[in-house]
Amino acid sequence: MKITFYANACCVYECDGFRLLSDPWIIDGAFEGAWYHYPPLSTKPEDLKNVDALYLSHLHPDHFDPKTLPVFRRDIPIVILRREKNYLEKLLRKMKFSNILLIEDGASTTLGPFNLTMYGPFETHVFYDASIGYHIDSALVVDDGKHVVLNANDNRPSERSAHELKERHPNIMVAQLMYAGASPYPSCFNNLTDDEKLREHDGVVERSLAHMVKIAKILEPDFVMPFAGEFVLGGKGWRKNRFLGTTTPENAGQFAKIHGLSPLLLNEGMSFDLESGKTIGTYVPVDTFVRDRYIEEVISKERYPFEDDCLKDSSWFHEILPFARAHLWNAQQRYRYFPDLCLYLSVRDEYFVIDWEKEEGFFIKRNEFREPFITYSLPLTLLQRIMTRQAHWNNAELGCHVDFIRQPNKYLPDMHALISFFHA
């Protein structure tokens, strides 16, 4: 087997001439226009269109990219996780893809020369207590009969699930593990000073790297490949890169090496031959000075798609937000989630208030917030898109389009999961 890397979680697994492509995000502007590749890619979607099959891990646009996918033939086999409410399958069928291979959590299937084993979300959250969490992730084990690769992408294994993976797949050669988290924290949390954001940034990076090493030591692969973490922010939010809670693949590789692991680092277009254990090509580290200059001088000038939308008047928001509150309340009842928290959504010179313990939402004029609280502030044209289901809260948050203030500074993962139901 040979692995050829392209970007983020996009790579090709090749054996006996058969090529399986994972998570083809090639075109910049994921997450409502915010996410860009760095280094900039020379690969074009057309360069990948002749692969034999696709694996799409989940719905996030850096894995399922509606702008890249149209280049593939509509009968290409696409491997996805079978799940009860399969929004990914629904979107693929809407795009006229007809050969969708649904694999149960923990089940295996044969595709070309590969035996593929699919896994659903390992945990609701590996760092926080969460009863809801995000249920969209998957992971894939690729086995060619001689070599085994774990593509975990965004599906971070816990220690428990890592031990279960080790028991079932004792000879993983390459573990592709997440080394940096995608999150609006701390970059978008304005209850923190810049110095506090930098300290929190360092803490987030250290936590992610430590978890990568902990899981790799349980799995005992021959190589650990820092995976699914390369992006920078463009557009108006470019200054938030400084506090993004991410790091470079080489920093992750160095951290792994210090802890006795063998890192595998690949630039765009580089390959790793599992038979020989050799890398094809020479890895070039990210020059952070050149990267930061590229962000400021080039992609900071990019516009987000919603910036060109026409803004509706205040009466539209007064009509639609209470309707969205009712939709969210129904979701709260299903999930039995009623935290002692007020959410204040900025709408022009007002705030729409969501008291999570009460059914009705309402507007207030003054910014007198009752603790505990969290405020949401985002471009109103993006809020319009979210309310009408042309955009998604989670994508807006991960794109760092939403600014927050929260008191106390405590993360509630289930609140951020359920807010996705706040739409018309």
Protein backbone atom coordinates (compact mmCIF):
# COMPACT_ATOMS: atom_id res chain seq x y z
CA MET A 1 0.00 0.00 0.00
CA LYS A 2 1.05 3.56 -0.66
CA ILE A 3 -0.35 6.71 0.98
CA THR A 4 -0.24 9.95 -0.98
CA PHE A 5 -1.13 13.07 1.01
CA TYR A 6 -2.81 16.16 -0.39
CA ALA A 7 -4.24 18.34 2.39
CA ASN A 8 -5.87 18.24 5.83
CA ALA A 9 -7.56 14.78 5.85
CA CYS A 10 -7.34 14.27 2.08
CA CYS A 11 -5.11 11.42 0.97
CA VAL A 12 -5.10 8.46 -1.41
CA TYR A 13 -4.60 4.85 -0.31
CA GLU A 14 -3.30 2.90 -3.30
CA CYS A 15 -2.79 -0.84 -3.73
CA ASP A 16 -2.59 -2.93 -6.92
CA GLY A 17 -3.63 0.09 -8.98
CA PHE A 18 -6.80 0.72 -6.92
CA ARG A 19 -7.04 4.17 -5.34
CA LEU A 20 -9.28 5.11 -2.41
CA LEU A 21 -9.48 8.87 -1.75
CA SER A 22 -10.46 10.23 1.66
CA ASP A 23 -12.18 13.54 2.43
CA PRO A 24 -11.38 15.61 -0.68
CA TRP A 25 -11.41 19.22 0.48
CA ILE A 26 -9.39 21.05 -2.18
CA ILE A 27 -11.13 24.39 -2.81
CA ASP A 28 -10.54 27.18 -0.28
CA GLY A 29 -13.38 28.84 1.59
CA ALA A 30 -14.77 26.08 3.82
CA PHE A 31 -16.87 27.02 6.86
CA GLU A 32 -18.77 29.91 5.32
CA GLY A 33 -15.70 31.23 3.50
CA ALA A 34 -13.24 31.24 6.40
CA TRP A 35 -10.91 28.23 6.04
CA TYR A 36 -7.96 28.28 3.66
CA HIS A 37 -5.19 25.82 2.94
CA TYR A 38 -1.65 26.63 3.92
CA PRO A 39 0.59 26.11 2.12
CA PRO A 40 -1.71 27.02 -0.83
CA LEU A 41 -2.51 23.93 -2.87
CA SER A 42 -1.34 23.27 -6.40
CA THR A 43 -3.67 20.25 -6.61
CA LYS A 44 -6.96 20.87 -8.41
CA PRO A 45 -10.13 18.79 -7.98
CA GLU A 46 -9.72 17.55 -11.56
CA ASP A 47 -6.37 16.01 -10.61
CA LEU A 48 -8.18 13.55 -8.32
CA LYS A 49 -11.30 12.76 -10.33
CA ASN A 50 -10.07 9.40 -11.68
CA VAL A 51 -9.72 7.65 -8.32
CA ASP A 52 -11.65 4.41 -7.87
CA ALA A 53 -13.57 5.17 -4.67
CA LEU A 54 -14.13 7.80 -1.97
CA TYR A 55 -14.30 7.69 1.81
CA LEU A 56 -16.19 10.63 3.34
CA SER A 57 -15.80 10.68 7.10
CA HIS A 58 -18.48 13.24 8.01
CA LEU A 59 -20.41 16.36 7.11
CA HIS A 60 -17.99 19.15 8.00
CA PRO A 61 -17.01 21.01 4.82
CA ASP A 62 -13.27 20.32 5.22
CA HIS A 63 -14.22 16.63 4.74
CA PHE A 64 -17.43 16.78 2.69
CA ASP A 65 -16.82 19.67 0.31
CA PRO A 66 -19.72 20.39 -2.07
CA LYS A 67 -17.38 22.48 -4.23
CA THR A 68 -14.88 19.65 -4.80
CA LEU A 69 -17.22 16.65 -5.11
CA PRO A 70 -18.89 17.56 -8.45
CA VAL A 71 -15.76 16.50 -10.39
CA PHE A 72 -16.33 12.83 -9.51
CA ARG A 73 -18.49 10.53 -11.61
CA ARG A 74 -21.90 9.98 -10.05
CA ASP A 75 -21.52 6.18 -9.85
CA ILE A 76 -18.21 6.24 -7.97
CA PRO A 77 -18.34 4.04 -4.83
CA ILE A 78 -18.54 6.29 -1.76
CA VAL A 79 -17.90 4.73 1.65
CA ILE A 80 -19.73 6.35 4.57
CA LEU A 81 -20.93 5.33 8.01
CA ARG A 82 -24.44 3.90 8.27
CA ARG A 83 -26.34 5.91 10.86
CA GLU A 84 -29.95 6.42 11.89
CA LYS A 85 -30.33 9.97 10.61
CA ASN A 86 -27.90 10.00 7.73
CA TYR A 87 -27.67 13.60 6.57
CA LEU A 88 -24.47 12.82 4.67
CA GLU A 89 -26.22 10.13 2.63
CA LYS A 90 -29.13 12.50 2.01
CA LEU A 91 -26.83 15.22 0.68
CA LEU A 92 -24.91 12.81 -1.52
CA ARG A 93 -28.12 11.49 -3.07
CA LYS A 94 -29.26 15.07 -3.62
CA MET A 95 -26.03 15.54 -5.61
CA LYS A 96 -27.05 12.45 -7.67
CA PHE A 97 -24.36 10.11 -6.33
CA SER A 98 -25.83 6.62 -6.67
CA ASN A 99 -23.23 4.13 -5.41
CA ILE A 100 -23.17 4.82 -1.67
CA LEU A 101 -21.67 2.03 0.45
CA LEU A 102 -23.11 2.22 3.96
CA ILE A 103 -21.03 0.41 6.59
CA GLU A 104 -22.23 -0.21 10.13
CA ASP A 105 -20.20 0.92 13.13
CA GLY A 106 -17.62 -1.82 13.75
CA ALA A 107 -18.43 -3.69 10.52
CA SER A 108 -16.03 -4.53 7.69
CA THR A 109 -16.38 -4.78 3.93
CA THR A 110 -14.15 -5.48 0.95
CA LEU A 111 -13.54 -2.80 -1.66
CA GLY A 112 -10.97 -3.55 -4.35
CA PRO A 113 -7.85 -4.88 -2.60
CA PHE A 114 -8.83 -3.36 0.73
CA ASN A 115 -10.64 -4.65 3.76
CA LEU A 116 -12.32 -1.59 5.29
CA THR A 117 -13.54 -1.40 8.89
CA MET A 118 -15.75 1.52 9.85
CA TYR A 119 -16.14 3.11 13.26
CA GLY A 120 -18.69 5.65 14.45
CA PRO A 121 -17.99 8.37 17.00
CA PHE A 122 -15.71 6.99 19.69
CA GLU A 123 -16.98 9.40 22.36
CA THR A 124 -19.38 12.33 22.71
CA HIS A 125 -16.32 14.36 23.76
CA VAL A 126 -12.84 13.24 24.83
CA PHE A 127 -12.03 16.33 26.93
CA TYR A 128 -15.37 17.32 28.52
CA ASP A 129 -18.41 15.67 30.03
CA ALA A 130 -21.11 15.64 27.36
CA SER A 131 -24.31 13.68 27.06
CA ILE A 132 -25.14 14.93 23.55
CA GLY A 133 -21.90 15.86 21.84
CA TYR A 134 -21.46 15.69 18.09
CA HIS A 135 -22.57 12.46 16.46
CA ILE A 136 -21.34 13.05 12.92
CA ASP A 137 -17.78 11.67 12.95
CA SER A 138 -16.43 8.35 11.72
CA ALA A 139 -13.06 6.62 11.37
CA LEU A 140 -11.79 4.02 8.90
CA VAL A 141 -9.25 1.22 9.14
CA VAL A 142 -7.70 0.37 5.75
CA ASP A 143 -6.12 -3.09 5.50
CA ASP A 144 -4.51 -4.45 2.32
CA GLY A 145 -3.75 -7.84 3.84
CA LYS A 146 -0.18 -6.87 4.74
CA HIS A 147 -0.38 -3.37 6.13
CA VAL A 148 -2.96 -1.53 8.23
CA VAL A 149 -3.69 2.21 8.38
CA LEU A 150 -6.03 3.95 10.83
CA ASN A 151 -7.63 7.11 9.45
CA ALA A 152 -9.13 8.69 12.59
CA ASN A 153 -9.49 12.20 11.07
CA ASP A 154 -11.64 14.27 13.50
CA ASN A 155 -12.86 11.19 15.41
CA ARG A 156 -10.52 11.32 18.39
CA PRO A 157 -10.33 7.95 20.15
CA SER A 158 -10.52 7.92 23.93
CA GLU A 159 -8.15 5.70 25.91
CA ARG A 160 -10.92 3.12 26.19
CA SER A 161 -11.65 3.05 22.46
CA ALA A 162 -7.93 3.07 21.64
CA HIS A 163 -7.50 -0.13 23.67
CA GLU A 164 -10.46 -1.65 21.78
CA LEU A 165 -8.89 -0.64 18.45
CA LYS A 166 -5.58 -2.13 19.52
CA GLU A 167 -7.23 -5.42 20.41
CA ARG A 168 -9.01 -5.67 17.06
CA HIS A 169 -6.19 -4.19 14.93
CA PRO A 170 -2.97 -5.15 16.73
CA ASN A 171 -0.62 -4.32 13.84
CA ILE A 172 -1.43 -0.77 12.78
CA MET A 173 1.48 0.53 10.75
CA VAL A 174 0.31 4.14 10.31
CA ALA A 175 -2.03 5.92 12.72
CA GLN A 176 -3.38 9.14 11.22
CA LEU A 177 -4.37 11.07 14.32
CA MET A 178 -5.78 14.53 14.92
CA TYR A 179 -3.16 16.85 16.40
CA ALA A 180 -5.05 20.16 16.58
CA GLY A 181 -8.61 21.05 17.35
CA ALA A 182 -10.95 23.19 15.27
CA SER A 183 -12.76 25.45 17.70
CA PRO A 184 -13.71 29.10 18.21
CA TYR A 185 -11.95 28.91 21.60
CA PRO A 186 -10.03 30.94 22.56
CA SER A 187 -9.85 33.13 19.46
CA CYS A 188 -13.49 34.26 19.51
CA PHE A 189 -14.02 34.67 23.27
CA ASN A 190 -13.83 38.34 24.12
CA ASN A 191 -14.17 37.84 27.86
CA LEU A 192 -10.44 37.05 27.57
CA THR A 193 -7.64 39.56 27.06
CA ASP A 194 -5.13 38.93 24.29
CA ASP A 195 -2.61 37.66 26.84
CA GLU A 196 -5.22 35.30 28.26
CA LYS A 197 -6.09 34.10 24.76
CA LEU A 198 -2.44 33.31 24.08
CA ARG A 199 -2.18 31.30 27.30
CA GLU A 200 -5.37 29.42 26.48
CA HIS A 201 -4.10 28.85 22.92
CA ASP A 202 -0.94 27.24 24.30
CA GLY A 203 -3.02 25.10 26.65
CA VAL A 204 -5.30 23.89 23.84
CA VAL A 205 -2.28 22.96 21.67
CA GLU A 206 -0.58 21.12 24.54
CA ARG A 207 -3.77 19.19 25.34
CA SER A 208 -4.26 18.10 21.73
CA LEU A 209 -0.65 16.99 21.30
CA ALA A 210 -0.63 15.15 24.62
CA HIS A 211 -3.79 13.29 23.64
CA MET A 212 -2.34 12.36 20.25
CA VAL A 213 0.72 10.87 21.97
CA LYS A 214 -1.35 9.08 24.61
CA ILE A 215 -3.50 7.38 21.97
CA ALA A 216 -0.50 6.53 19.78
CA LYS A 217 1.25 4.85 22.70
CA ILE A 218 -1.80 2.62 23.20
CA LEU A 219 -2.16 1.79 19.48
CA GLU A 220 1.62 1.23 19.05
CA PRO A 221 1.78 2.03 15.33
CA ASP A 222 5.08 2.01 13.47
CA PHE A 223 4.38 5.61 12.49
CA VAL A 224 2.07 8.33 13.77
CA MET A 225 0.96 10.86 11.17
CA PRO A 226 -0.36 14.24 12.41
CA PHE A 227 -3.59 14.50 10.44
CA ALA A 228 -6.68 16.62 9.85
CA GLY A 229 -5.46 19.92 11.25
CA GLU A 230 -3.95 22.09 8.50
CA PHE A 231 -5.91 25.29 7.88
CA VAL A 232 -5.71 29.04 8.39
CA LEU A 233 -8.39 31.72 8.56
CA GLY A 234 -8.87 34.21 5.76
CA GLY A 235 -11.17 37.18 5.33
CA LYS A 236 -12.08 39.61 8.09
CA GLY A 237 -11.33 37.05 10.80
CA TRP A 238 -7.67 36.64 9.80
CA ARG A 239 -6.31 38.19 13.00
CA LYS A 240 -7.83 35.32 14.98
CA ASN A 241 -5.18 32.94 13.59
CA ARG A 242 -2.92 34.10 16.41
CA PHE A 243 -5.20 32.52 19.02
CA LEU A 244 -6.57 29.59 17.02
CA GLY A 245 -5.37 26.73 19.22
CA THR A 246 -3.62 25.02 16.30
CA THR A 247 -0.01 24.23 15.48
CA THR A 248 2.05 22.96 12.54
CA PRO A 249 2.47 19.30 11.56
CA GLU A 250 6.20 19.51 12.24
CA ASN A 251 5.58 20.77 15.78
CA ALA A 252 3.25 17.82 16.27
CA GLY A 253 5.86 15.50 14.78
CA GLN A 254 8.56 16.86 17.04
CA PHE A 255 6.30 16.41 20.05
CA ALA A 256 5.68 12.80 19.02
CA LYS A 257 9.41 12.19 18.52
CA ILE A 258 10.26 13.58 21.96
CA HIS A 259 7.86 11.03 23.41
CA GLY A 260 9.45 8.07 21.65
CA LEU A 261 7.19 7.85 18.61
CA SER A 262 8.10 7.84 14.91
CA PRO A 263 6.35 10.72 13.14
CA LEU A 264 5.32 10.58 9.49
CA LEU A 265 5.20 14.02 7.86
CA LEU A 266 4.07 14.55 4.28
CA ASN A 267 3.66 17.68 2.20
CA GLU A 268 1.11 17.97 -0.58
CA GLY A 269 1.79 15.29 -3.20
CA MET A 270 4.31 13.34 -1.10
CA SER A 271 3.86 9.60 -0.65
CA PHE A 272 4.76 6.94 1.87
CA ASP A 273 5.34 3.36 0.73
CA LEU A 274 4.26 0.99 3.50
CA GLU A 275 6.05 -1.98 1.92
CA SER A 276 9.48 -0.34 2.05
CA GLY A 277 8.75 2.03 4.92
CA LYS A 278 10.17 4.85 2.78
CA THR A 279 8.91 8.37 2.14
CA ILE A 280 8.87 9.53 -1.48
CA GLY A 281 9.96 13.15 -1.45
CA THR A 282 11.51 15.47 1.12
CA TYR A 283 9.33 17.16 3.73
CA VAL A 284 9.55 20.96 3.85
CA PRO A 285 8.46 22.51 7.18
CA VAL A 286 6.05 25.43 7.29
CA ASP A 287 7.82 28.78 7.38
CA THR A 288 5.57 30.57 9.87
CA PHE A 289 6.88 34.02 8.89
CA VAL A 290 5.99 33.44 5.23
CA ARG A 291 2.66 31.90 6.28
CA ASP A 292 1.70 34.89 8.42
CA ARG A 293 2.65 37.31 5.65
CA TYR A 294 0.53 35.32 3.17
CA ILE A 295 -2.43 35.48 5.57
CA GLU A 296 -2.15 39.24 6.06
CA GLU A 297 -1.27 40.26 2.50
CA VAL A 298 -3.35 37.80 0.48
CA ILE A 299 -6.23 35.91 2.07
CA SER A 300 -7.19 38.61 4.57
CA LYS A 301 -8.59 40.44 1.52
CA GLU A 302 -11.04 37.65 0.68
CA ARG A 303 -14.75 38.23 1.20
CA TYR A 304 -17.15 35.79 2.79
CA PRO A 305 -20.12 34.77 0.62
CA PHE A 306 -22.69 36.12 3.09
CA GLU A 307 -21.11 39.59 3.04
CA ASP A 308 -22.82 40.29 -0.28
CA ASP A 309 -26.32 39.33 0.93
CA CYS A 310 -29.02 41.96 1.37
CA LEU A 311 -29.78 42.60 5.04
CA LYS A 312 -33.38 42.26 6.09
CA ASP A 313 -35.05 44.79 8.39
CA SER A 314 -35.58 44.42 12.13
CA SER A 315 -39.16 43.20 11.77
CA TRP A 316 -37.93 40.07 9.99
CA PHE A 317 -35.72 39.14 12.93
CA HIS A 318 -38.52 39.91 15.39
CA GLU A 319 -40.74 37.47 13.53
CA ILE A 320 -38.32 34.62 12.86
CA LEU A 321 -36.25 34.41 16.07
CA PRO A 322 -39.19 33.45 18.35
CA PHE A 323 -40.10 30.78 15.81
CA ALA A 324 -36.51 29.48 15.93
CA ARG A 325 -36.67 29.52 19.74
CA ALA A 326 -39.69 27.19 19.60
CA HIS A 327 -37.73 24.83 17.35
CA LEU A 328 -34.82 24.83 19.80
CA TRP A 329 -37.18 24.24 22.74
CA ASN A 330 -38.52 21.12 21.04
CA ALA A 331 -34.95 19.85 20.71
CA GLN A 332 -34.27 20.63 24.38
CA GLN A 333 -37.26 18.53 25.35
CA ARG A 334 -36.08 15.62 23.21
CA TYR A 335 -32.60 15.73 24.72
CA ARG A 336 -33.79 16.82 28.20
CA TYR A 337 -31.29 19.64 28.33
CA PHE A 338 -32.23 22.69 30.43
CA PRO A 339 -29.08 24.34 31.82
CA ASP A 340 -29.13 27.34 34.13
CA LEU A 341 -27.89 29.70 31.42
CA CYS A 342 -29.02 32.72 29.42
CA LEU A 343 -27.89 33.21 25.84
CA TYR A 344 -27.96 36.78 24.53
CA LEU A 345 -27.91 37.04 20.72
CA SER A 346 -26.93 40.48 19.42
CA VAL A 347 -29.35 41.81 16.80
CA ARG A 348 -28.59 45.42 15.83
CA ASP A 349 -29.19 47.49 19.01
CA GLU A 350 -31.06 44.68 20.79
CA TYR A 351 -30.47 41.22 22.22
CA PHE A 352 -32.67 38.21 21.68
CA VAL A 353 -32.67 36.28 24.95
CA ILE A 354 -32.75 32.51 25.23
CA ASP A 355 -33.24 31.43 28.82
CA TRP A 356 -32.49 27.72 28.49
CA GLU A 357 -34.87 26.91 31.35
CA LYS A 358 -37.84 28.73 29.77
CA GLU A 359 -39.79 28.13 26.59
CA GLU A 360 -40.24 31.68 25.36
CA GLY A 361 -37.56 33.90 23.87
CA PHE A 362 -37.74 37.69 24.02
CA PHE A 363 -35.92 40.89 23.06
CA ILE A 364 -34.24 43.34 25.42
CA LYS A 365 -32.73 46.74 24.68
CA ARG A 366 -30.04 46.91 27.35
CA ASN A 367 -26.99 44.74 27.81
CA GLU A 368 -27.72 43.83 31.42
CA PHE A 369 -26.80 40.17 31.47
CA ARG A 370 -27.82 37.71 34.16
CA GLU A 371 -25.05 35.27 35.09
CA PRO A 372 -24.36 32.62 34.07
CA PHE A 373 -24.57 33.85 30.50
CA ILE A 374 -23.06 33.68 27.06
CA THR A 375 -23.41 36.29 24.33
CA TYR A 376 -23.40 35.55 20.60
CA SER A 377 -22.47 38.21 18.05
CA LEU A 378 -22.19 37.49 14.33
CA PRO A 379 -22.82 39.24 11.01
CA LEU A 380 -26.57 39.57 10.57
CA THR A 381 -26.42 38.40 6.97
CA LEU A 382 -24.90 35.14 8.24
CA LEU A 383 -27.59 34.94 10.92
CA GLN A 384 -30.17 35.27 8.13
CA ARG A 385 -28.61 32.31 6.35
CA ILE A 386 -28.61 30.23 9.53
CA MET A 387 -32.25 31.03 10.27
CA THR A 388 -33.25 29.93 6.76
CA ARG A 389 -30.99 26.82 6.82
CA GLN A 390 -28.63 28.11 4.17
CA ALA A 391 -25.85 27.96 6.77
CA HIS A 392 -25.27 26.07 10.00
CA TRP A 393 -24.44 27.25 13.53
CA ASN A 394 -21.62 24.74 13.95
CA ASN A 395 -19.98 25.79 10.69
CA ALA A 396 -20.35 29.45 11.67
CA GLU A 397 -18.66 28.76 15.01
CA LEU A 398 -15.84 26.67 13.52
CA GLY A 399 -15.32 29.35 10.88
CA CYS A 400 -14.80 31.82 13.75
CA HIS A 401 -17.59 34.06 12.49
CA VAL A 402 -19.26 34.20 15.93
CA ASP A 403 -17.82 36.24 18.80
CA PHE A 404 -18.65 35.30 22.37
CA ILE A 405 -18.55 36.63 25.89
CA ARG A 406 -19.27 34.16 28.66
CA GLN A 407 -19.39 34.37 32.42
CA PRO A 408 -18.15 32.22 33.97
CA ASN A 409 -15.62 31.09 31.39
CA LYS A 410 -16.91 27.50 31.33
CA TYR A 411 -17.40 25.39 28.22
CA LEU A 412 -20.77 23.65 27.85
CA PRO A 413 -20.38 21.27 24.88
CA ASP A 414 -24.01 20.21 24.88
CA MET A 415 -25.18 23.81 24.63
CA HIS A 416 -23.00 24.38 21.57
CA ALA A 417 -24.34 21.14 20.07
CA LEU A 418 -27.99 21.97 20.67
CA ILE A 419 -27.77 25.53 19.39
CA SER A 420 -27.67 23.90 15.94
CA PHE A 421 -31.46 23.49 16.33
CA PHE A 422 -31.93 27.25 16.69
CA HIS A 423 -33.27 27.99 13.22
CA ALA A 424 -36.60 28.38 11.46
